[in-house]
Amino acid sequence: MNDFIEHSQKPARSTSIKPTVFWRVAEDIPRSLSWQLMATSVIVPFCCWWLISHAIEGNDKISFFLPTPVAVWHALITLWHKGFLLKDIAASCFRVGFSFLLAAIFSVPVGIAMGTFASVRALLEPIIGIVRYMPVPALTPLLIIYFGVDEASKIALIFIGTFFFNVLMIMDAVKFVPKDLVETTYTLGGSRLQVLLQVIVPYTVPKIIDTFRINMAASWQLVSVAELIAASEGLGKRIALARKFNGTDQIFVCLIILGLIGFALDLSFRYIQRISCKWAFD
């Protein structure tokens, strides 16, 4: 009996997971560690690129495929002084920005309607699902026939490649609105319009911004395809021209610029989401 009492009075062995900082599950890490990891994600690949490119620099057959960071920097300066780079960036930003804005304007109401009303979802989801799986670059010949080789065909290509993904992702966000919120609004005497505008829309705004942040990448991937349609300016067109003349250093310049623009846009969407949807982070 005494042994049983002594054993029962001993503190139970903790079976919880040992505390950690790096491997936290669904928790934030210290800001200092976050900055260190982000810096590492850029510095390590750059160092590997620098080491490998300098190691093969003497071999003309291999060094052609991987220019050194110095060669890429010189190509950047050359393109800038010739006035090509700024015009290419402006042209690509206009095409992506205008196309994405059109896709956002039309996809938000359609996606919200499909997620809110099962009847609208049953009507539109099959055709949108079919079109979504069509490879957008394969539509290029048709777009040239319909819109010619001017800006309209390029904007249409990016619009199509963004609109349908926006719609389905926004629809899924609306479908996950808690039914308790809707039923409570009805109980308090709310109308369908109030449920839509005061419950569903505010709840899904953070997810809509996330949808835009994710699908903006698709728009920038499509711009390189769109700019092959008789374009005279644009980062995609510059890459195509550099390929013809074996200018791998210029290709690296354009790819790095595309990556930096995308990263800046991603941070911008995150900032807009945090500022405009403070209730979602409380």
C-alpha atoms as a PDB file:
ATOM      1  CA  MET A   1       0.000   0.000   0.000  1.00  0.00           C
ATOM      2  CA  ASN A   2       2.838   2.404   0.874  1.00  0.00           C
ATOM      3  CA  ASP A   3       4.533   1.602  -2.438  1.00  0.00           C
ATOM      4  CA  PHE A   4       1.300   2.365  -4.269  1.00  0.00           C
ATOM      5  CA  ILE A   5       0.910   5.701  -2.438  1.00  0.00           C
ATOM      6  CA  GLU A   6       4.529   6.691  -3.125  1.00  0.00           C
ATOM      7  CA  HIS A   7       4.165   5.783  -6.789  1.00  0.00           C
ATOM      8  CA  SER A   8       0.931   7.745  -7.120  1.00  0.00           C
ATOM      9  CA  GLN A   9       2.543  10.818  -5.564  1.00  0.00           C
ATOM     10  CA  LYS A  10       5.403  10.851  -8.083  1.00  0.00           C
ATOM     11  CA  PRO A  11       4.982  13.402 -10.843  1.00  0.00           C
ATOM     12  CA  ALA A  12       3.867  11.822 -14.071  1.00  0.00           C
ATOM     13  CA  ARG A  13       6.464  11.732 -16.837  1.00  0.00           C
ATOM     14  CA  SER A  14       5.738  14.417 -19.401  1.00  0.00           C
ATOM     15  CA  THR A  15       4.783  12.993 -22.758  1.00  0.00           C
ATOM     16  CA  SER A  16       4.614  16.383 -24.478  1.00  0.00           C
ATOM     17  CA  ILE A  17       6.947  17.337 -27.324  1.00  0.00           C
ATOM     18  CA  LYS A  18      10.177  19.008 -26.292  1.00  0.00           C
ATOM     19  CA  PRO A  19      10.143  22.774 -26.786  1.00  0.00           C
ATOM     20  CA  THR A  20      11.831  23.963 -29.960  1.00  0.00           C
ATOM     21  CA  VAL A  21      12.195  27.155 -31.929  1.00  0.00           C
ATOM     22  CA  PHE A  22      13.053  25.991 -35.440  1.00  0.00           C
ATOM     23  CA  TRP A  23      10.504  23.152 -35.700  1.00  0.00           C
ATOM     24  CA  ARG A  24       7.455  24.879 -34.241  1.00  0.00           C
ATOM     25  CA  VAL A  25       4.193  23.546 -35.626  1.00  0.00           C
ATOM     26  CA  ALA A  26       1.608  26.173 -36.662  1.00  0.00           C
ATOM     27  CA  GLU A  27       3.363  28.853 -34.603  1.00  0.00           C
ATOM     28  CA  ASP A  28       5.435  31.894 -35.477  1.00  0.00           C
ATOM     29  CA  ILE A  29       9.192  31.916 -35.040  1.00  0.00           C
ATOM     30  CA  PRO A  30      11.222  34.842 -33.673  1.00  0.00           C
ATOM     31  CA  ARG A  31      11.573  37.708 -36.133  1.00  0.00           C
ATOM     32  CA  SER A  32      15.383  37.572 -35.954  1.00  0.00           C
ATOM     33  CA  LEU A  33      15.377  33.895 -36.944  1.00  0.00           C
ATOM     34  CA  SER A  34      12.906  34.625 -39.730  1.00  0.00           C
ATOM     35  CA  TRP A  35      15.192  37.288 -41.227  1.00  0.00           C
ATOM     36  CA  GLN A  36      18.214  34.985 -40.956  1.00  0.00           C
ATOM     37  CA  LEU A  37      16.435  32.171 -42.771  1.00  0.00           C
ATOM     38  CA  MET A  38      15.191  34.502 -45.522  1.00  0.00           C
ATOM     39  CA  ALA A  39      18.710  35.836 -46.035  1.00  0.00           C
ATOM     40  CA  THR A  40      20.060  32.284 -46.161  1.00  0.00           C
ATOM     41  CA  SER A  41      17.550  31.312 -48.848  1.00  0.00           C
ATOM     42  CA  VAL A  42      19.070  33.979 -51.131  1.00  0.00           C
ATOM     43  CA  ILE A  43      22.734  33.936 -50.129  1.00  0.00           C
ATOM     44  CA  VAL A  44      23.284  30.167 -50.377  1.00  0.00           C
ATOM     45  CA  PRO A  45      21.978  29.784 -53.983  1.00  0.00           C
ATOM     46  CA  PHE A  46      23.917  32.899 -55.027  1.00  0.00           C
ATOM     47  CA  CYS A  47      27.149  31.506 -53.549  1.00  0.00           C
ATOM     48  CA  CYS A  48      26.579  28.166 -55.303  1.00  0.00           C
ATOM     49  CA  TRP A  49      25.998  30.000 -58.595  1.00  0.00           C
ATOM     50  CA  TRP A  50      29.146  32.082 -58.080  1.00  0.00           C
ATOM     51  CA  LEU A  51      31.329  29.075 -57.218  1.00  0.00           C
ATOM     52  CA  ILE A  52      30.086  26.819 -60.031  1.00  0.00           C
ATOM     53  CA  SER A  53      30.181  29.526 -62.713  1.00  0.00           C
ATOM     54  CA  HIS A  54      33.741  30.543 -61.788  1.00  0.00           C
ATOM     55  CA  ALA A  55      34.847  26.908 -61.634  1.00  0.00           C
ATOM     56  CA  ILE A  56      33.805  26.314 -65.253  1.00  0.00           C
ATOM     57  CA  GLU A  57      34.687  29.782 -66.537  1.00  0.00           C
ATOM     58  CA  GLY A  58      37.797  28.558 -68.371  1.00  0.00           C
ATOM     59  CA  ASN A  59      35.902  25.929 -70.346  1.00  0.00           C
ATOM     60  CA  ASP A  60      34.224  27.684 -73.276  1.00  0.00           C
ATOM     61  CA  LYS A  61      31.951  24.739 -74.056  1.00  0.00           C
ATOM     62  CA  ILE A  62      30.449  24.605 -70.562  1.00  0.00           C
ATOM     63  CA  SER A  63      30.694  28.210 -69.352  1.00  0.00           C
ATOM     64  CA  PHE A  64      28.275  29.225 -72.111  1.00  0.00           C
ATOM     65  CA  PHE A  65      25.444  27.549 -70.187  1.00  0.00           C
ATOM     66  CA  LEU A  66      26.096  29.285 -66.851  1.00  0.00           C
ATOM     67  CA  PRO A  67      27.407  32.868 -67.011  1.00  0.00           C
ATOM     68  CA  THR A  68      29.088  34.315 -63.947  1.00  0.00           C
ATOM     69  CA  PRO A  69      27.325  36.896 -61.756  1.00  0.00           C
ATOM     70  CA  VAL A  70      29.785  39.497 -63.071  1.00  0.00           C
ATOM     71  CA  ALA A  71      28.833  38.729 -66.686  1.00  0.00           C
ATOM     72  CA  VAL A  72      25.153  38.987 -65.798  1.00  0.00           C
ATOM     73  CA  TRP A  73      25.774  42.328 -64.100  1.00  0.00           C
ATOM     74  CA  HIS A  74      27.562  43.655 -67.200  1.00  0.00           C
ATOM     75  CA  ALA A  75      24.643  42.473 -69.361  1.00  0.00           C
ATOM     76  CA  LEU A  76      22.252  44.317 -67.045  1.00  0.00           C
ATOM     77  CA  ILE A  77      24.256  47.549 -67.366  1.00  0.00           C
ATOM     78  CA  THR A  78      24.420  47.168 -71.148  1.00  0.00           C
ATOM     79  CA  LEU A  79      20.670  46.645 -71.511  1.00  0.00           C
ATOM     80  CA  TRP A  80      19.986  49.570 -69.208  1.00  0.00           C
ATOM     81  CA  HIS A  81      22.240  51.988 -71.071  1.00  0.00           C
ATOM     82  CA  LYS A  82      20.735  50.968 -74.403  1.00  0.00           C
ATOM     83  CA  GLY A  83      17.294  51.804 -73.034  1.00  0.00           C
ATOM     84  CA  PHE A  84      15.906  48.329 -73.633  1.00  0.00           C
ATOM     85  CA  LEU A  85      15.434  47.210 -70.062  1.00  0.00           C
ATOM     86  CA  LEU A  86      13.164  49.976 -68.797  1.00  0.00           C
ATOM     87  CA  LYS A  87      10.908  49.708 -71.872  1.00  0.00           C
ATOM     88  CA  ASP A  88      10.715  45.921 -71.541  1.00  0.00           C
ATOM     89  CA  ILE A  89       9.810  46.106 -67.848  1.00  0.00           C
ATOM     90  CA  ALA A  90       7.163  48.777 -68.488  1.00  0.00           C
ATOM     91  CA  ALA A  91       5.603  46.804 -71.358  1.00  0.00           C
ATOM     92  CA  SER A  92       5.418  43.552 -69.378  1.00  0.00           C
ATOM     93  CA  CYS A  93       4.070  45.287 -66.263  1.00  0.00           C
ATOM     94  CA  PHE A  94       1.340  46.981 -68.305  1.00  0.00           C
ATOM     95  CA  ARG A  95       0.229  43.739 -69.950  1.00  0.00           C
ATOM     96  CA  VAL A  96       0.167  41.771 -66.705  1.00  0.00           C
ATOM     97  CA  GLY A  97      -1.353  44.580 -64.654  1.00  0.00           C
ATOM     98  CA  PHE A  98      -4.182  45.371 -67.065  1.00  0.00           C
ATOM     99  CA  SER A  99      -4.997  41.711 -67.738  1.00  0.00           C
ATOM    100  CA  PHE A 100      -4.947  40.804 -64.062  1.00  0.00           C
ATOM    101  CA  LEU A 101      -7.129  43.779 -63.154  1.00  0.00           C
ATOM    102  CA  LEU A 102      -9.744  42.702 -65.706  1.00  0.00           C
ATOM    103  CA  ALA A 103      -9.600  39.122 -64.426  1.00  0.00           C
ATOM    104  CA  ALA A 104     -10.037  40.318 -60.832  1.00  0.00           C
ATOM    105  CA  ILE A 105     -13.000  42.567 -61.677  1.00  0.00           C
ATOM    106  CA  PHE A 106     -14.909  39.760 -63.377  1.00  0.00           C
ATOM    107  CA  SER A 107     -13.790  36.787 -61.285  1.00  0.00           C
ATOM    108  CA  VAL A 108     -14.699  38.138 -57.833  1.00  0.00           C
ATOM    109  CA  PRO A 109     -18.476  38.484 -58.379  1.00  0.00           C
ATOM    110  CA  VAL A 110     -18.648  35.243 -60.374  1.00  0.00           C
ATOM    111  CA  GLY A 111     -16.666  33.302 -57.747  1.00  0.00           C
ATOM    112  CA  ILE A 112     -18.718  34.706 -54.861  1.00  0.00           C
ATOM    113  CA  ALA A 113     -21.989  33.935 -56.679  1.00  0.00           C
ATOM    114  CA  MET A 114     -20.879  30.355 -57.391  1.00  0.00           C
ATOM    115  CA  GLY A 115     -19.818  29.794 -53.802  1.00  0.00           C
ATOM    116  CA  THR A 116     -22.975  31.345 -52.341  1.00  0.00           C
ATOM    117  CA  PHE A 117     -25.678  29.894 -54.573  1.00  0.00           C
ATOM    118  CA  ALA A 118     -25.629  26.193 -55.414  1.00  0.00           C
ATOM    119  CA  SER A 119     -27.771  26.898 -58.468  1.00  0.00           C
ATOM    120  CA  VAL A 120     -25.166  29.249 -59.960  1.00  0.00           C
ATOM    121  CA  ARG A 121     -22.421  26.755 -59.088  1.00  0.00           C
ATOM    122  CA  ALA A 122     -24.257  23.916 -60.859  1.00  0.00           C
ATOM    123  CA  LEU A 123     -24.742  26.125 -63.903  1.00  0.00           C
ATOM    124  CA  LEU A 124     -21.179  27.445 -64.303  1.00  0.00           C
ATOM    125  CA  GLU A 125     -18.792  25.011 -62.601  1.00  0.00           C
ATOM    126  CA  PRO A 126     -18.794  22.326 -65.342  1.00  0.00           C
ATOM    127  CA  ILE A 127     -17.894  24.673 -68.204  1.00  0.00           C
ATOM    128  CA  ILE A 128     -15.365  26.589 -66.102  1.00  0.00           C
ATOM    129  CA  GLY A 129     -13.799  23.318 -64.987  1.00  0.00           C
ATOM    130  CA  ILE A 130     -13.486  22.172 -68.610  1.00  0.00           C
ATOM    131  CA  VAL A 131     -11.925  25.420 -69.829  1.00  0.00           C
ATOM    132  CA  ARG A 132      -9.568  25.568 -66.849  1.00  0.00           C
ATOM    133  CA  TYR A 133      -7.831  22.374 -67.973  1.00  0.00           C
ATOM    134  CA  MET A 134      -7.230  23.621 -71.502  1.00  0.00           C
ATOM    135  CA  PRO A 135      -3.579  24.677 -71.955  1.00  0.00           C
ATOM    136  CA  VAL A 136      -3.724  28.434 -72.376  1.00  0.00           C
ATOM    137  CA  PRO A 137      -0.695  28.692 -74.727  1.00  0.00           C
ATOM    138  CA  ALA A 138      -2.542  26.354 -77.122  1.00  0.00           C
ATOM    139  CA  LEU A 139      -5.158  29.089 -77.540  1.00  0.00           C
ATOM    140  CA  THR A 140      -2.582  31.445 -79.058  1.00  0.00           C
ATOM    141  CA  PRO A 141      -3.457  30.677 -82.731  1.00  0.00           C
ATOM    142  CA  LEU A 142      -7.155  31.280 -82.062  1.00  0.00           C
ATOM    143  CA  LEU A 143      -6.470  34.530 -80.207  1.00  0.00           C
ATOM    144  CA  ILE A 144      -4.361  35.774 -83.128  1.00  0.00           C
ATOM    145  CA  ILE A 145      -7.236  34.971 -85.512  1.00  0.00           C
ATOM    146  CA  TYR A 146      -9.797  36.682 -83.270  1.00  0.00           C
ATOM    147  CA  PHE A 147      -7.822  39.720 -82.047  1.00  0.00           C
ATOM    148  CA  GLY A 148      -4.840  40.026 -84.384  1.00  0.00           C
ATOM    149  CA  VAL A 149      -1.247  40.413 -83.228  1.00  0.00           C
ATOM    150  CA  ASP A 150      -1.704  43.648 -81.280  1.00  0.00           C
ATOM    151  CA  GLU A 151      -2.066  44.097 -77.519  1.00  0.00           C
ATOM    152  CA  ALA A 152      -5.599  42.662 -77.401  1.00  0.00           C
ATOM    153  CA  SER A 153      -4.455  39.090 -78.081  1.00  0.00           C
ATOM    154  CA  LYS A 154      -1.714  39.301 -75.431  1.00  0.00           C
ATOM    155  CA  ILE A 155      -4.091  40.692 -72.813  1.00  0.00           C
ATOM    156  CA  ALA A 156      -6.716  38.070 -73.683  1.00  0.00           C
ATOM    157  CA  LEU A 157      -4.184  35.267 -73.236  1.00  0.00           C
ATOM    158  CA  ILE A 158      -3.178  36.418 -69.752  1.00  0.00           C
ATOM    159  CA  PHE A 159      -6.821  37.141 -68.835  1.00  0.00           C
ATOM    160  CA  ILE A 160      -7.954  33.630 -69.756  1.00  0.00           C
ATOM    161  CA  GLY A 161      -5.046  32.052 -67.896  1.00  0.00           C
ATOM    162  CA  THR A 162      -5.946  33.938 -64.715  1.00  0.00           C
ATOM    163  CA  PHE A 163      -9.727  34.368 -64.690  1.00  0.00           C
ATOM    164  CA  PHE A 164     -10.812  30.723 -64.368  1.00  0.00           C
ATOM    165  CA  PHE A 165      -8.366  29.909 -61.574  1.00  0.00           C
ATOM    166  CA  ASN A 166      -9.483  33.016 -59.683  1.00  0.00           C
ATOM    167  CA  VAL A 167     -13.138  32.020 -59.994  1.00  0.00           C
ATOM    168  CA  LEU A 168     -12.731  28.481 -58.680  1.00  0.00           C
ATOM    169  CA  MET A 169     -10.449  29.460 -55.792  1.00  0.00           C
ATOM    170  CA  ILE A 170     -12.804  32.263 -54.704  1.00  0.00           C
ATOM    171  CA  MET A 171     -15.748  29.859 -54.982  1.00  0.00           C
ATOM    172  CA  ASP A 172     -13.985  27.385 -52.676  1.00  0.00           C
ATOM    173  CA  ALA A 173     -13.242  30.179 -50.186  1.00  0.00           C
ATOM    174  CA  VAL A 174     -16.932  31.131 -50.033  1.00  0.00           C
ATOM    175  CA  LYS A 175     -17.999  27.503 -49.580  1.00  0.00           C
ATOM    176  CA  PHE A 176     -16.008  27.340 -46.330  1.00  0.00           C
ATOM    177  CA  VAL A 177     -17.851  30.246 -44.687  1.00  0.00           C
ATOM    178  CA  PRO A 178     -19.195  28.780 -41.394  1.00  0.00           C
ATOM    179  CA  LYS A 179     -22.899  28.049 -41.673  1.00  0.00           C
ATOM    180  CA  ASP A 180     -23.334  29.209 -38.072  1.00  0.00           C
ATOM    181  CA  LEU A 181     -22.586  32.773 -39.168  1.00  0.00           C
ATOM    182  CA  VAL A 182     -25.184  32.604 -41.920  1.00  0.00           C
ATOM    183  CA  GLU A 183     -27.832  31.033 -39.699  1.00  0.00           C
ATOM    184  CA  THR A 184     -27.166  33.562 -36.936  1.00  0.00           C
ATOM    185  CA  THR A 185     -27.655  36.426 -39.384  1.00  0.00           C
ATOM    186  CA  TYR A 186     -30.981  34.964 -40.495  1.00  0.00           C
ATOM    187  CA  THR A 187     -32.006  34.493 -36.861  1.00  0.00           C
ATOM    188  CA  LEU A 188     -31.334  38.162 -36.170  1.00  0.00           C
ATOM    189  CA  GLY A 189     -33.587  39.133 -39.063  1.00  0.00           C
ATOM    190  CA  GLY A 190     -30.974  39.578 -41.759  1.00  0.00           C
ATOM    191  CA  SER A 191     -31.837  39.309 -45.433  1.00  0.00           C
ATOM    192  CA  ARG A 192     -30.024  37.400 -48.176  1.00  0.00           C
ATOM    193  CA  LEU A 193     -28.357  40.623 -49.290  1.00  0.00           C
ATOM    194  CA  GLN A 194     -27.138  41.322 -45.761  1.00  0.00           C
ATOM    195  CA  VAL A 195     -25.792  37.799 -45.448  1.00  0.00           C
ATOM    196  CA  LEU A 196     -23.932  38.267 -48.721  1.00  0.00           C
ATOM    197  CA  LEU A 197     -22.526  41.737 -48.036  1.00  0.00           C
ATOM    198  CA  GLN A 198     -22.011  41.637 -44.267  1.00  0.00           C
ATOM    199  CA  VAL A 199     -21.042  38.013 -43.666  1.00  0.00           C
ATOM    200  CA  ILE A 200     -19.793  36.234 -46.785  1.00  0.00           C
ATOM    201  CA  VAL A 201     -17.829  39.072 -48.410  1.00  0.00           C
ATOM    202  CA  PRO A 202     -15.931  40.208 -45.260  1.00  0.00           C
ATOM    203  CA  TYR A 203     -15.148  36.590 -44.358  1.00  0.00           C
ATOM    204  CA  THR A 204     -13.702  35.813 -47.796  1.00  0.00           C
ATOM    205  CA  VAL A 205     -11.788  39.066 -48.478  1.00  0.00           C
ATOM    206  CA  PRO A 206      -8.513  37.754 -46.929  1.00  0.00           C
ATOM    207  CA  LYS A 207      -8.797  34.568 -49.000  1.00  0.00           C
ATOM    208  CA  ILE A 208      -9.563  36.575 -52.140  1.00  0.00           C
ATOM    209  CA  ILE A 209      -6.368  38.569 -51.632  1.00  0.00           C
ATOM    210  CA  ASP A 210      -4.504  35.286 -51.129  1.00  0.00           C
ATOM    211  CA  THR A 211      -6.014  34.038 -54.395  1.00  0.00           C
ATOM    212  CA  PHE A 212      -4.752  37.124 -56.195  1.00  0.00           C
ATOM    213  CA  ARG A 213      -1.313  36.710 -54.631  1.00  0.00           C
ATOM    214  CA  ILE A 214      -1.058  33.111 -55.828  1.00  0.00           C
ATOM    215  CA  ASN A 215      -2.479  33.592 -59.315  1.00  0.00           C
ATOM    216  CA  MET A 216      -0.414  36.709 -60.012  1.00  0.00           C
ATOM    217  CA  ALA A 217       2.454  34.265 -60.548  1.00  0.00           C
ATOM    218  CA  ALA A 218       0.465  32.565 -63.313  1.00  0.00           C
ATOM    219  CA  SER A 219      -0.030  35.914 -65.041  1.00  0.00           C
ATOM    220  CA  TRP A 220       3.709  36.590 -65.055  1.00  0.00           C
ATOM    221  CA  GLN A 221       4.415  33.117 -66.389  1.00  0.00           C
ATOM    222  CA  LEU A 222       1.989  33.681 -69.242  1.00  0.00           C
ATOM    223  CA  VAL A 223       3.397  37.074 -70.206  1.00  0.00           C
ATOM    224  CA  SER A 224       6.498  35.425 -71.664  1.00  0.00           C
ATOM    225  CA  VAL A 225       4.215  33.345 -73.900  1.00  0.00           C
ATOM    226  CA  ALA A 226       2.020  36.318 -74.777  1.00  0.00           C
ATOM    227  CA  GLU A 227       5.011  38.427 -75.783  1.00  0.00           C
ATOM    228  CA  LEU A 228       5.991  35.920 -78.435  1.00  0.00           C
ATOM    229  CA  ILE A 229       2.947  37.136 -80.407  1.00  0.00           C
ATOM    230  CA  ALA A 230       4.642  39.767 -82.573  1.00  0.00           C
ATOM    231  CA  ALA A 231       5.743  41.853 -79.591  1.00  0.00           C
ATOM    232  CA  SER A 232       8.479  44.443 -80.006  1.00  0.00           C
ATOM    233  CA  GLU A 233       9.018  45.027 -76.262  1.00  0.00           C
ATOM    234  CA  GLY A 234       8.732  43.032 -73.069  1.00  0.00           C
ATOM    235  CA  LEU A 235      10.862  40.808 -70.865  1.00  0.00           C
ATOM    236  CA  GLY A 236       9.533  37.681 -72.574  1.00  0.00           C
ATOM    237  CA  LYS A 237      10.443  39.115 -75.974  1.00  0.00           C
ATOM    238  CA  ARG A 238      13.907  40.040 -74.672  1.00  0.00           C
ATOM    239  CA  ILE A 239      14.428  36.436 -73.532  1.00  0.00           C
ATOM    240  CA  ALA A 240      13.396  35.131 -76.964  1.00  0.00           C
ATOM    241  CA  LEU A 241      15.815  37.526 -78.702  1.00  0.00           C
ATOM    242  CA  ALA A 242      18.634  36.586 -76.331  1.00  0.00           C
ATOM    243  CA  ARG A 243      18.050  32.912 -77.058  1.00  0.00           C
ATOM    244  CA  LYS A 244      18.488  33.482 -80.792  1.00  0.00           C
ATOM    245  CA  PHE A 245      21.889  35.084 -80.208  1.00  0.00           C
ATOM    246  CA  ASN A 246      22.966  32.691 -77.402  1.00  0.00           C
ATOM    247  CA  GLY A 247      22.849  35.523 -74.871  1.00  0.00           C
ATOM    248  CA  THR A 248      22.487  33.470 -71.711  1.00  0.00           C
ATOM    249  CA  ASP A 249      23.682  36.421 -69.629  1.00  0.00           C
ATOM    250  CA  GLN A 250      20.740  38.519 -70.883  1.00  0.00           C
ATOM    251  CA  ILE A 251      18.358  35.631 -70.215  1.00  0.00           C
ATOM    252  CA  PHE A 252      19.598  35.526 -66.627  1.00  0.00           C
ATOM    253  CA  VAL A 253      19.043  39.283 -66.339  1.00  0.00           C
ATOM    254  CA  CYS A 254      15.420  39.006 -67.455  1.00  0.00           C
ATOM    255  CA  LEU A 255      14.738  35.992 -65.248  1.00  0.00           C
ATOM    256  CA  ILE A 256      16.166  37.697 -62.176  1.00  0.00           C
ATOM    257  CA  ILE A 257      14.115  40.833 -62.873  1.00  0.00           C
ATOM    258  CA  LEU A 258      10.962  38.731 -63.275  1.00  0.00           C
ATOM    259  CA  GLY A 259      11.702  37.030 -59.968  1.00  0.00           C
ATOM    260  CA  LEU A 260      12.283  40.327 -58.161  1.00  0.00           C
ATOM    261  CA  ILE A 261       9.086  41.838 -59.562  1.00  0.00           C
ATOM    262  CA  GLY A 262       7.131  38.777 -58.491  1.00  0.00           C
ATOM    263  CA  PHE A 263       8.657  38.818 -55.014  1.00  0.00           C
ATOM    264  CA  ALA A 264       7.831  42.513 -54.613  1.00  0.00           C
ATOM    265  CA  LEU A 265       4.236  41.894 -55.696  1.00  0.00           C
ATOM    266  CA  ASP A 266       3.934  38.971 -53.298  1.00  0.00           C
ATOM    267  CA  LEU A 267       5.089  41.149 -50.399  1.00  0.00           C
ATOM    268  CA  SER A 268       2.699  43.893 -51.525  1.00  0.00           C
ATOM    269  CA  PHE A 269      -0.288  41.544 -51.453  1.00  0.00           C
ATOM    270  CA  ARG A 270       0.725  40.318 -48.014  1.00  0.00           C
ATOM    271  CA  TYR A 271       0.971  43.896 -46.782  1.00  0.00           C
ATOM    272  CA  ILE A 272      -2.408  44.840 -48.282  1.00  0.00           C
ATOM    273  CA  GLN A 273      -3.969  41.773 -46.683  1.00  0.00           C
ATOM    274  CA  ARG A 274      -2.530  42.567 -43.250  1.00  0.00           C
ATOM    275  CA  ILE A 275      -3.559  46.232 -43.400  1.00  0.00           C
ATOM    276  CA  SER A 276      -7.033  45.849 -44.892  1.00  0.00           C
ATOM    277  CA  CYS A 277      -8.044  42.625 -43.089  1.00  0.00           C
ATOM    278  CA  LYS A 278      -6.842  43.185 -39.534  1.00  0.00           C
ATOM    279  CA  TRP A 279      -9.771  41.190 -38.148  1.00  0.00           C
ATOM    280  CA  ALA A 280      -8.404  38.066 -39.831  1.00  0.00           C
ATOM    281  CA  PHE A 281      -5.132  38.259 -37.862  1.00  0.00           C
ATOM    282  CA  ASP A 282      -6.547  38.954 -34.407  1.00  0.00           C
END
